[in-house]
Amino acid sequence: MKVAVILGASIGLQFAASALALRLIRVSGVWRAWTFISAAFLLMALSRCVTFYRLISGDLPRPPDLHAELTALAVSALMAIGISQVAPVFIERRRAEERTAHLN
């Protein structure tokens, strides 16, 4: 059951990173890069959902490795944190551009 909780948390963080990446389209104005990044996070989350479903349904021949799932959880957390830390940079850049435009 411990693995299922870790897997579920990892999935949640990957969905969150996908949503945060999509929000950065509006903030940064860079739609193509953030769309691809969001899609990558979404695909990772969906793939993990299949594993999660197979785990709770008893369809896996053996449970996922606990250490591998902890690593995936850490990577998912770092991705979500990294994306959330990029947003303020783009927001400040946009504000600076607006201030400069108002001065001209």
PDB file of N, CA and C in Angstrom:
ATOM      1  N   MET A   1       0.824  -1.193   0.000  1.00  0.00           N
ATOM      2  CA  MET A   1       0.000   0.000   0.000  1.00  0.00           C
ATOM      3  C   MET A   1       0.868   1.256   0.000  1.00  0.00           C
ATOM      4  N   LYS A   2       2.041   1.188   0.614  1.00  0.00           N
ATOM      5  CA  LYS A   2       2.951   2.332   0.646  1.00  0.00           C
ATOM      6  C   LYS A   2       3.305   2.785  -0.766  1.00  0.00           C
ATOM      7  N   VAL A   3       3.542   1.832  -1.655  1.00  0.00           N
ATOM      8  CA  VAL A   3       3.903   2.144  -3.031  1.00  0.00           C
ATOM      9  C   VAL A   3       2.739   2.847  -3.736  1.00  0.00           C
ATOM     10  N   ALA A   4       1.520   2.427  -3.455  1.00  0.00           N
ATOM     11  CA  ALA A   4       0.352   3.042  -4.092  1.00  0.00           C
ATOM     12  C   ALA A   4       0.221   4.509  -3.681  1.00  0.00           C
ATOM     13  N   VAL A   5       0.481   4.813  -2.416  1.00  0.00           N
ATOM     14  CA  VAL A   5       0.399   6.199  -1.941  1.00  0.00           C
ATOM     15  C   VAL A   5       1.474   7.050  -2.613  1.00  0.00           C
ATOM     16  N   ILE A   6       2.678   6.518  -2.686  1.00  0.00           N
ATOM     17  CA  ILE A   6       3.784   7.244  -3.318  1.00  0.00           C
ATOM     18  C   ILE A   6       3.492   7.455  -4.796  1.00  0.00           C
ATOM     19  N   LEU A   7       3.003   6.432  -5.454  1.00  0.00           N
ATOM     20  CA  LEU A   7       2.654   6.521  -6.871  1.00  0.00           C
ATOM     21  C   LEU A   7       1.550   7.559  -7.089  1.00  0.00           C
ATOM     22  N   GLY A   8       0.541   7.555  -6.238  1.00  0.00           N
ATOM     23  CA  GLY A   8      -0.536   8.533  -6.338  1.00  0.00           C
ATOM     24  C   GLY A   8      -0.042   9.962  -6.146  1.00  0.00           C
ATOM     25  N   ALA A   9       0.845  10.171  -5.185  1.00  0.00           N
ATOM     26  CA  ALA A   9       1.403  11.505  -4.955  1.00  0.00           C
ATOM     27  C   ALA A   9       2.217  11.955  -6.160  1.00  0.00           C
ATOM     28  N   SER A  10       2.979  11.052  -6.732  1.00  0.00           N
ATOM     29  CA  SER A  10       3.780  11.362  -7.914  1.00  0.00           C
ATOM     30  C   SER A  10       2.887  11.769  -9.082  1.00  0.00           C
ATOM     31  N   ILE A  11       1.791  11.053  -9.269  1.00  0.00           N
ATOM     32  CA  ILE A  11       0.843  11.371 -10.338  1.00  0.00           C
ATOM     33  C   ILE A  11       0.257  12.764 -10.118  1.00  0.00           C
ATOM     34  N   GLY A  12      -0.138  13.052  -8.904  1.00  0.00           N
ATOM     35  CA  GLY A  12      -0.690  14.366  -8.581  1.00  0.00           C
ATOM     36  C   GLY A  12       0.284  15.486  -8.874  1.00  0.00           C
ATOM     37  N   LEU A  13       1.538  15.291  -8.515  1.00  0.00           N
ATOM     38  CA  LEU A  13       2.553  16.319  -8.772  1.00  0.00           C
ATOM     39  C   LEU A  13       2.798  16.497 -10.267  1.00  0.00           C
ATOM     40  N   GLN A  14       2.751  15.406 -11.028  1.00  0.00           N
ATOM     41  CA  GLN A  14       2.947  15.521 -12.473  1.00  0.00           C
ATOM     42  C   GLN A  14       1.785  16.254 -13.129  1.00  0.00           C
ATOM     43  N   PHE A  15       0.561  15.990 -12.682  1.00  0.00           N
ATOM     44  CA  PHE A  15      -0.588  16.747 -13.195  1.00  0.00           C
ATOM     45  C   PHE A  15      -0.456  18.222 -12.821  1.00  0.00           C
ATOM     46  N   ALA A  16       0.002  18.500 -11.600  1.00  0.00           N
ATOM     47  CA  ALA A  16       0.186  19.893 -11.171  1.00  0.00           C
ATOM     48  C   ALA A  16       1.243  20.583 -12.027  1.00  0.00           C
ATOM     49  N   ALA A  17       2.349  19.900 -12.311  1.00  0.00           N
ATOM     50  CA  ALA A  17       3.398  20.489 -13.151  1.00  0.00           C
ATOM     51  C   ALA A  17       2.865  20.763 -14.550  1.00  0.00           C
ATOM     52  N   SER A  18       2.016  19.880 -15.068  1.00  0.00           N
ATOM     53  CA  SER A  18       1.417  20.090 -16.382  1.00  0.00           C
ATOM     54  C   SER A  18       0.538  21.334 -16.382  1.00  0.00           C
ATOM     55  N   ALA A  19      -0.285  21.478 -15.352  1.00  0.00           N
ATOM     56  CA  ALA A  19      -1.170  22.650 -15.259  1.00  0.00           C
ATOM     57  C   ALA A  19      -0.359  23.936 -15.095  1.00  0.00           C
ATOM     58  N   LEU A  20       0.694  23.893 -14.277  1.00  0.00           N
ATOM     59  CA  LEU A  20       1.535  25.078 -14.099  1.00  0.00           C
ATOM     60  C   LEU A  20       2.211  25.477 -15.405  1.00  0.00           C
ATOM     61  N   ALA A  21       2.650  24.492 -16.168  1.00  0.00           N
ATOM     62  CA  ALA A  21       3.284  24.792 -17.460  1.00  0.00           C
ATOM     63  C   ALA A  21       2.294  25.472 -18.396  1.00  0.00           C
ATOM     64  N   LEU A  22       1.055  25.022 -18.386  1.00  0.00           N
ATOM     65  CA  LEU A  22       0.035  25.660 -19.231  1.00  0.00           C
ATOM     66  C   LEU A  22      -0.229  27.102 -18.792  1.00  0.00           C
ATOM     67  N   ARG A  23      -0.200  27.359 -17.500  1.00  0.00           N
ATOM     68  CA  ARG A  23      -0.406  28.731 -17.012  1.00  0.00           C
ATOM     69  C   ARG A  23       0.729  29.647 -17.458  1.00  0.00           C
ATOM     70  N   LEU A  24       1.910  29.087 -17.648  1.00  0.00           N
ATOM     71  CA  LEU A  24       3.045  29.910 -18.064  1.00  0.00           C
ATOM     72  C   LEU A  24       2.923  30.387 -19.503  1.00  0.00           C
ATOM     73  N   ILE A  25       2.030  29.790 -20.285  1.00  0.00           N
ATOM     74  CA  ILE A  25       1.819  30.267 -21.652  1.00  0.00           C
ATOM     75  C   ILE A  25       1.331  31.708 -21.605  1.00  0.00           C
ATOM     76  N   ARG A  26       0.328  31.966 -20.774  1.00  0.00           N
ATOM     77  CA  ARG A  26      -0.232  33.312 -20.666  1.00  0.00           C
ATOM     78  C   ARG A  26       0.789  34.288 -20.084  1.00  0.00           C
ATOM     79  N   VAL A  27       1.529  33.853 -19.101  1.00  0.00           N
ATOM     80  CA  VAL A  27       2.491  34.725 -18.422  1.00  0.00           C
ATOM     81  C   VAL A  27       3.678  35.058 -19.318  1.00  0.00           C
ATOM     82  N   SER A  28       4.184  34.050 -20.019  1.00  0.00           N
ATOM     83  CA  SER A  28       5.416  34.243 -20.786  1.00  0.00           C
ATOM     84  C   SER A  28       5.170  34.605 -22.242  1.00  0.00           C
ATOM     85  N   GLY A  29       4.012  34.231 -22.774  1.00  0.00           N
ATOM     86  CA  GLY A  29       3.752  34.444 -24.191  1.00  0.00           C
ATOM     87  C   GLY A  29       4.430  33.409 -25.078  1.00  0.00           C
ATOM     88  N   VAL A  30       5.067  32.431 -24.489  1.00  0.00           N
ATOM     89  CA  VAL A  30       5.769  31.375 -25.230  1.00  0.00           C
ATOM     90  C   VAL A  30       4.880  30.133 -25.193  1.00  0.00           C
ATOM     91  N   TRP A  31       4.007  30.026 -26.179  1.00  0.00           N
ATOM     92  CA  TRP A  31       3.020  28.953 -26.119  1.00  0.00           C
ATOM     93  C   TRP A  31       3.559  27.596 -26.555  1.00  0.00           C
ATOM     94  N   ARG A  32       4.402  27.551 -27.577  1.00  0.00           N
ATOM     95  CA  ARG A  32       4.836  26.256 -28.108  1.00  0.00           C
ATOM     96  C   ARG A  32       5.669  25.470 -27.092  1.00  0.00           C
ATOM     97  N   ALA A  33       6.659  26.094 -26.505  1.00  0.00           N
ATOM     98  CA  ALA A  33       7.528  25.396 -25.547  1.00  0.00           C
ATOM     99  C   ALA A  33       6.745  24.908 -24.332  1.00  0.00           C
ATOM    100  N   TRP A  34       5.903  25.783 -23.763  1.00  0.00           N
ATOM    101  CA  TRP A  34       5.162  25.392 -22.561  1.00  0.00           C
ATOM    102  C   TRP A  34       4.092  24.359 -22.870  1.00  0.00           C
ATOM    103  N   THR A  35       3.552  24.373 -24.083  1.00  0.00           N
ATOM    104  CA  THR A  35       2.584  23.351 -24.468  1.00  0.00           C
ATOM    105  C   THR A  35       3.262  21.991 -24.554  1.00  0.00           C
ATOM    106  N   PHE A  36       4.443  21.943 -25.154  1.00  0.00           N
ATOM    107  CA  PHE A  36       5.173  20.671 -25.245  1.00  0.00           C
ATOM    108  C   PHE A  36       5.587  20.176 -23.859  1.00  0.00           C
ATOM    109  N   ILE A  37       6.051  21.081 -23.016  1.00  0.00           N
ATOM    110  CA  ILE A  37       6.444  20.692 -21.658  1.00  0.00           C
ATOM    111  C   ILE A  37       5.229  20.166 -20.893  1.00  0.00           C
ATOM    112  N   SER A  38       4.114  20.880 -21.003  1.00  0.00           N
ATOM    113  CA  SER A  38       2.891  20.432 -20.340  1.00  0.00           C
ATOM    114  C   SER A  38       2.458  19.062 -20.852  1.00  0.00           C
ATOM    115  N   ALA A  39       2.524  18.867 -22.156  1.00  0.00           N
ATOM    116  CA  ALA A  39       2.139  17.576 -22.740  1.00  0.00           C
ATOM    117  C   ALA A  39       3.039  16.450 -22.238  1.00  0.00           C
ATOM    118  N   ALA A  40       4.326  16.740 -22.086  1.00  0.00           N
ATOM    119  CA  ALA A  40       5.250  15.719 -21.574  1.00  0.00           C
ATOM    120  C   ALA A  40       4.888  15.327 -20.145  1.00  0.00           C
ATOM    121  N   PHE A  41       4.603  16.327 -19.293  1.00  0.00           N
ATOM    122  CA  PHE A  41       4.190  16.030 -17.920  1.00  0.00           C
ATOM    123  C   PHE A  41       2.885  15.241 -17.906  1.00  0.00           C
ATOM    124  N   LEU A  42       1.963  15.625 -18.774  1.00  0.00           N
ATOM    125  CA  LEU A  42       0.678  14.946 -18.840  1.00  0.00           C
ATOM    126  C   LEU A  42       0.842  13.493 -19.278  1.00  0.00           C
ATOM    127  N   LEU A  43       1.675  13.246 -20.266  1.00  0.00           N
ATOM    128  CA  LEU A  43       1.925  11.866 -20.704  1.00  0.00           C
ATOM    129  C   LEU A  43       2.569  11.031 -19.600  1.00  0.00           C
ATOM    130  N   MET A  44       3.514  11.643 -18.878  1.00  0.00           N
ATOM    131  CA  MET A  44       4.137  10.917 -17.760  1.00  0.00           C
ATOM    132  C   MET A  44       3.081  10.564 -16.711  1.00  0.00           C
ATOM    133  N   ALA A  45       2.213  11.519 -16.383  1.00  0.00           N
ATOM    134  CA  ALA A  45       1.177  11.269 -15.383  1.00  0.00           C
ATOM    135  C   ALA A  45       0.220  10.178 -15.850  1.00  0.00           C
ATOM    136  N   LEU A  46      -0.190  10.233 -17.105  1.00  0.00           N
ATOM    137  CA  LEU A  46      -1.120   9.225 -17.619  1.00  0.00           C
ATOM    138  C   LEU A  46      -0.494   7.831 -17.636  1.00  0.00           C
ATOM    139  N   SER A  47       0.778   7.771 -17.981  1.00  0.00           N
ATOM    140  CA  SER A  47       1.479   6.488 -17.954  1.00  0.00           C
ATOM    141  C   SER A  47       1.527   5.929 -16.531  1.00  0.00           C
ATOM    142  N   ARG A  48       1.765   6.815 -15.568  1.00  0.00           N
ATOM    143  CA  ARG A  48       1.812   6.394 -14.165  1.00  0.00           C
ATOM    144  C   ARG A  48       0.407   5.993 -13.687  1.00  0.00           C
ATOM    145  N   CYS A  49      -0.635   6.619 -14.259  1.00  0.00           N
ATOM    146  CA  CYS A  49      -2.007   6.243 -13.902  1.00  0.00           C
ATOM    147  C   CYS A  49      -2.290   4.793 -14.289  1.00  0.00           C
ATOM    148  N   VAL A  50      -1.766   4.378 -15.424  1.00  0.00           N
ATOM    149  CA  VAL A  50      -1.947   2.988 -15.855  1.00  0.00           C
ATOM    150  C   VAL A  50      -1.285   2.044 -14.851  1.00  0.00           C
ATOM    151  N   THR A  51      -0.069   2.383 -14.449  1.00  0.00           N
ATOM    152  CA  THR A  51       0.628   1.561 -13.451  1.00  0.00           C
ATOM    153  C   THR A  51      -0.150   1.542 -12.143  1.00  0.00           C
ATOM    154  N   PHE A  52      -0.643   2.704 -11.720  1.00  0.00           N
ATOM    155  CA  PHE A  52      -1.420   2.801 -10.478  1.00  0.00           C
ATOM    156  C   PHE A  52      -2.668   1.922 -10.562  1.00  0.00           C
ATOM    157  N   TYR A  53      -3.388   2.017 -11.666  1.00  0.00           N
ATOM    158  CA  TYR A  53      -4.590   1.202 -11.850  1.00  0.00           C
ATOM    159  C   TYR A  53      -4.255  -0.287 -11.804  1.00  0.00           C
ATOM    160  N   ARG A  54      -3.202  -0.662 -12.514  1.00  0.00           N
ATOM    161  CA  ARG A  54      -2.820  -2.082 -12.527  1.00  0.00           C
ATOM    162  C   ARG A  54      -2.401  -2.552 -11.140  1.00  0.00           C
ATOM    163  N   LEU A  55      -1.765  -1.654 -10.368  1.00  0.00           N
ATOM    164  CA  LEU A  55      -1.347  -2.004  -9.014  1.00  0.00           C
ATOM    165  C   LEU A  55      -2.555  -2.245  -8.115  1.00  0.00           C
ATOM    166  N   ILE A  56      -3.511  -1.308  -8.124  1.00  0.00           N
ATOM    167  CA  ILE A  56      -4.654  -1.466  -7.215  1.00  0.00           C
ATOM    168  C   ILE A  56      -5.633  -2.550  -7.676  1.00  0.00           C
ATOM    169  N   SER A  57      -5.609  -2.870  -8.974  1.00  0.00           N
ATOM    170  CA  SER A  57      -6.503  -3.928  -9.463  1.00  0.00           C
ATOM    171  C   SER A  57      -5.879  -5.314  -9.322  1.00  0.00           C
ATOM    172  N   GLY A  58      -4.603  -5.360  -8.945  1.00  0.00           N
ATOM    173  CA  GLY A  58      -3.929  -6.648  -8.788  1.00  0.00           C
ATOM    174  C   GLY A  58      -3.449  -7.233 -10.101  1.00  0.00           C
ATOM    175  N   ASP A  59      -3.367  -6.411 -11.150  1.00  0.00           N
ATOM    176  CA  ASP A  59      -2.994  -6.877 -12.478  1.00  0.00           C
ATOM    177  C   ASP A  59      -1.479  -6.887 -12.707  1.00  0.00           C
ATOM    178  N   LEU A  60      -0.717  -6.337 -11.784  1.00  0.00           N
ATOM    179  CA  LEU A  60       0.743  -6.344 -11.943  1.00  0.00           C
ATOM    180  C   LEU A  60       1.311  -7.659 -11.419  1.00  0.00           C
ATOM    181  N   PRO A  61       2.253  -8.268 -12.160  1.00  0.00           N
ATOM    182  CA  PRO A  61       2.839  -9.527 -11.685  1.00  0.00           C
ATOM    183  C   PRO A  61       3.630  -9.344 -10.390  1.00  0.00           C
ATOM    184  N   ARG A  62       4.207  -8.144 -10.212  1.00  0.00           N
ATOM    185  CA  ARG A  62       4.904  -7.822  -8.956  1.00  0.00           C
ATOM    186  C   ARG A  62       4.761  -6.318  -8.726  1.00  0.00           C
ATOM    187  N   PRO A  63       4.732  -5.899  -7.483  1.00  0.00           N
ATOM    188  CA  PRO A  63       4.554  -4.471  -7.212  1.00  0.00           C
ATOM    189  C   PRO A  63       5.766  -3.659  -7.661  1.00  0.00           C
ATOM    190  N   PRO A  64       5.556  -2.393  -7.970  1.00  0.00           N
ATOM    191  CA  PRO A  64       6.692  -1.539  -8.353  1.00  0.00           C
ATOM    192  C   PRO A  64       7.707  -1.442  -7.217  1.00  0.00           C
ATOM    193  N   ASP A  65       8.941  -1.200  -7.585  1.00  0.00           N
ATOM    194  CA  ASP A  65      10.029  -1.078  -6.624  1.00  0.00           C
ATOM    195  C   ASP A  65       9.853   0.199  -5.798  1.00  0.00           C
ATOM    196  N   LEU A  66       9.898   0.081  -4.489  1.00  0.00           N
ATOM    197  CA  LEU A  66       9.687   1.210  -3.588  1.00  0.00           C
ATOM    198  C   LEU A  66      10.714   2.310  -3.823  1.00  0.00           C
ATOM    199  N   HIS A  67      11.976   1.945  -3.993  1.00  0.00           N
ATOM    200  CA  HIS A  67      13.024   2.955  -4.203  1.00  0.00           C
ATOM    201  C   HIS A  67      12.831   3.699  -5.529  1.00  0.00           C
ATOM    202  N   ALA A  68      12.436   2.979  -6.558  1.00  0.00           N
ATOM    203  CA  ALA A  68      12.173   3.618  -7.850  1.00  0.00           C
ATOM    204  C   ALA A  68      11.000   4.583  -7.737  1.00  0.00           C
ATOM    205  N   GLU A  69       9.979   4.207  -6.974  1.00  0.00           N
ATOM    206  CA  GLU A  69       8.811   5.081  -6.806  1.00  0.00           C
ATOM    207  C   GLU A  69       9.158   6.308  -5.967  1.00  0.00           C
ATOM    208  N   LEU A  70      10.013   6.147  -4.976  1.00  0.00           N
ATOM    209  CA  LEU A  70      10.457   7.306  -4.192  1.00  0.00           C
ATOM    210  C   LEU A  70      11.266   8.270  -5.056  1.00  0.00           C
ATOM    211  N   THR A  71      12.086   7.716  -5.938  1.00  0.00           N
ATOM    212  CA  THR A  71      12.855   8.554  -6.867  1.00  0.00           C
ATOM    213  C   THR A  71      11.916   9.296  -7.811  1.00  0.00           C
ATOM    214  N   ALA A  72      10.923   8.595  -8.339  1.00  0.00           N
ATOM    215  CA  ALA A  72       9.946   9.227  -9.234  1.00  0.00           C
ATOM    216  C   ALA A  72       9.173  10.323  -8.499  1.00  0.00           C
ATOM    217  N   LEU A  73       8.848  10.093  -7.236  1.00  0.00           N
ATOM    218  CA  LEU A  73       8.159  11.109  -6.445  1.00  0.00           C
ATOM    219  C   LEU A  73       9.035  12.345  -6.272  1.00  0.00           C
ATOM    220  N   ALA A  74      10.305  12.138  -5.971  1.00  0.00           N
ATOM    221  CA  ALA A  74      11.228  13.272  -5.809  1.00  0.00           C
ATOM    222  C   ALA A  74      11.369  14.044  -7.119  1.00  0.00           C
ATOM    223  N   VAL A  75      11.489  13.345  -8.235  1.00  0.00           N
ATOM    224  CA  VAL A  75      11.602  13.995  -9.545  1.00  0.00           C
ATOM    225  C   VAL A  75      10.327  14.789  -9.849  1.00  0.00           C
ATOM    226  N   SER A  76       9.175  14.197  -9.558  1.00  0.00           N
ATOM    227  CA  SER A  76       7.904  14.886  -9.795  1.00  0.00           C
ATOM    228  C   SER A  76       7.809  16.155  -8.956  1.00  0.00           C
ATOM    229  N   ALA A  77       8.217  16.075  -7.697  1.00  0.00           N
ATOM    230  CA  ALA A  77       8.194  17.250  -6.820  1.00  0.00           C
ATOM    231  C   ALA A  77       9.141  18.328  -7.338  1.00  0.00           C
ATOM    232  N   LEU A  78      10.316  17.928  -7.763  1.00  0.00           N
ATOM    233  CA  LEU A  78      11.279  18.900  -8.294  1.00  0.00           C
ATOM    234  C   LEU A  78      10.764  19.558  -9.565  1.00  0.00           C
ATOM    235  N   MET A  79      10.084  18.796 -10.415  1.00  0.00           N
ATOM    236  CA  MET A  79       9.517  19.372 -11.641  1.00  0.00           C
ATOM    237  C   MET A  79       8.465  20.424 -11.300  1.00  0.00           C
ATOM    238  N   ALA A  80       7.564  20.098 -10.391  1.00  0.00           N
ATOM    239  CA  ALA A  80       6.504  21.036 -10.017  1.00  0.00           C
ATOM    240  C   ALA A  80       7.094  22.283  -9.358  1.00  0.00           C
ATOM    241  N   ILE A  81       8.076  22.101  -8.487  1.00  0.00           N
ATOM    242  CA  ILE A  81       8.719  23.246  -7.835  1.00  0.00           C
ATOM    243  C   ILE A  81       9.464  24.093  -8.856  1.00  0.00           C
ATOM    244  N   GLY A  82      10.173  23.447  -9.758  1.00  0.00           N
ATOM    245  CA  GLY A  82      10.914  24.180 -10.787  1.00  0.00           C
ATOM    246  C   GLY A  82      10.015  25.028 -11.659  1.00  0.00           C
ATOM    247  N   ILE A  83       8.910  24.450 -12.090  1.00  0.00           N
ATOM    248  CA  ILE A  83       7.961  25.199 -12.915  1.00  0.00           C
ATOM    249  C   ILE A  83       7.399  26.375 -12.121  1.00  0.00           C
ATOM    250  N   SER A  84       7.057  26.141 -10.856  1.00  0.00           N
ATOM    251  CA  SER A  84       6.476  27.224 -10.055  1.00  0.00           C
ATOM    252  C   SER A  84       7.481  28.336  -9.788  1.00  0.00           C
ATOM    253  N   GLN A  85       8.771  28.016  -9.785  1.00  0.00           N
ATOM    254  CA  GLN A  85       9.798  29.029  -9.554  1.00  0.00           C
ATOM    255  C   GLN A  85      10.099  29.858 -10.798  1.00  0.00           C
ATOM    256  N   VAL A  86       9.756  29.346 -11.959  1.00  0.00           N
ATOM    257  CA  VAL A  86       9.993  30.066 -13.207  1.00  0.00           C
ATOM    258  C   VAL A  86       8.942  31.160 -13.416  1.00  0.00           C
ATOM    259  N   ALA A  87       7.735  30.930 -12.958  1.00  0.00           N
ATOM    260  CA  ALA A  87       6.635  31.881 -13.184  1.00  0.00           C
ATOM    261  C   ALA A  87       6.959  33.298 -12.726  1.00  0.00           C
ATOM    262  N   PRO A  88       7.479  33.520 -11.518  1.00  0.00           N
ATOM    263  CA  PRO A  88       7.767  34.893 -11.101  1.00  0.00           C
ATOM    264  C   PRO A  88       8.778  35.605 -12.006  1.00  0.00           C
ATOM    265  N   VAL A  89       9.687  34.872 -12.592  1.00  0.00           N
ATOM    266  CA  VAL A  89      10.665  35.474 -13.503  1.00  0.00           C
ATOM    267  C   VAL A  89       9.947  36.057 -14.718  1.00  0.00           C
ATOM    268  N   PHE A  90       9.035  35.275 -15.288  1.00  0.00           N
ATOM    269  CA  PHE A  90       8.285  35.754 -16.447  1.00  0.00           C
ATOM    270  C   PHE A  90       7.339  36.897 -16.083  1.00  0.00           C
ATOM    271  N   ILE A  91       6.728  36.805 -14.909  1.00  0.00           N
ATOM    272  CA  ILE A  91       5.819  37.868 -14.468  1.00  0.00           C
ATOM    273  C   ILE A  91       6.580  39.178 -14.315  1.00  0.00           C
ATOM    274  N   GLU A  92       7.738  39.131 -13.684  1.00  0.00           N
ATOM    275  CA  GLU A  92       8.531  40.352 -13.507  1.00  0.00           C
ATOM    276  C   GLU A  92       9.010  40.901 -14.845  1.00  0.00           C
ATOM    277  N   ARG A  93       9.396  40.026 -15.745  1.00  0.00           N
ATOM    278  CA  ARG A  93       9.824  40.469 -17.069  1.00  0.00           C
ATOM    279  C   ARG A  93       8.685  41.169 -17.803  1.00  0.00           C
ATOM    280  N   ARG A  94       7.485  40.595 -17.723  1.00  0.00           N
ATOM    281  CA  ARG A  94       6.316  41.194 -18.369  1.00  0.00           C
ATOM    282  C   ARG A  94       6.025  42.571 -17.763  1.00  0.00           C
ATOM    283  N   ARG A  95       6.101  42.694 -16.440  1.00  0.00           N
ATOM    284  CA  ARG A  95       5.849  43.985 -15.785  1.00  0.00           C
ATOM    285  C   ARG A  95       6.882  45.024 -16.202  1.00  0.00           C
ATOM    286  N   ALA A  96       8.137  44.609 -16.296  1.00  0.00           N
ATOM    287  CA  ALA A  96       9.195  45.532 -16.714  1.00  0.00           C
ATOM    288  C   ALA A  96       8.956  46.007 -18.142  1.00  0.00           C
ATOM    289  N   GLU A  97       8.530  45.103 -19.013  1.00  0.00           N
ATOM    290  CA  GLU A  97       8.218  45.483 -20.398  1.00  0.00           C
ATOM    291  C   GLU A  97       7.056  46.469 -20.438  1.00  0.00           C
ATOM    292  N   GLU A  98       6.045  46.251 -19.601  1.00  0.00           N
ATOM    293  CA  GLU A  98       4.900  47.160 -19.563  1.00  0.00           C
ATOM    294  C   GLU A  98       5.302  48.539 -19.031  1.00  0.00           C
ATOM    295  N   ARG A  99       6.157  48.556 -18.000  1.00  0.00           N
ATOM    296  CA  ARG A  99       6.636  49.842 -17.478  1.00  0.00           C
ATOM    297  C   ARG A  99       7.428  50.601 -18.523  1.00  0.00           C
ATOM    298  N   THR A 100       8.271  49.884 -19.257  1.00  0.00           N
ATOM    299  CA  THR A 100       9.062  50.518 -20.318  1.00  0.00           C
ATOM    300  C   THR A 100       8.162  51.039 -21.426  1.00  0.00           C
ATOM    301  N   ALA A 101       7.123  50.295 -21.770  1.00  0.00           N
ATOM    302  CA  ALA A 101       6.196  50.734 -22.820  1.00  0.00           C
ATOM    303  C   ALA A 101       5.442  51.987 -22.398  1.00  0.00           C
ATOM    304  N   HIS A 102       5.109  52.091 -21.125  1.00  0.00           N
ATOM    305  CA  HIS A 102       4.388  53.278 -20.635  1.00  0.00           C
ATOM    306  C   HIS A 102       5.279  54.514 -20.610  1.00  0.00           C
ATOM    307  N   LEU A 103       6.568  54.322 -20.459  1.00  0.00           N
ATOM    308  CA  LEU A 103       7.493  55.449 -20.426  1.00  0.00           C
ATOM    309  C   LEU A 103       7.714  56.033 -21.823  1.00  0.00           C
ATOM    310  N   ASN A 104       7.575  55.213 -22.820  1.00  0.00           N
ATOM    311  CA  ASN A 104       7.829  55.672 -24.203  1.00  0.00           C
ATOM    312  C   ASN A 104       6.651  56.310 -24.785  1.00  0.00           C
TER     313      ASN A 104
END
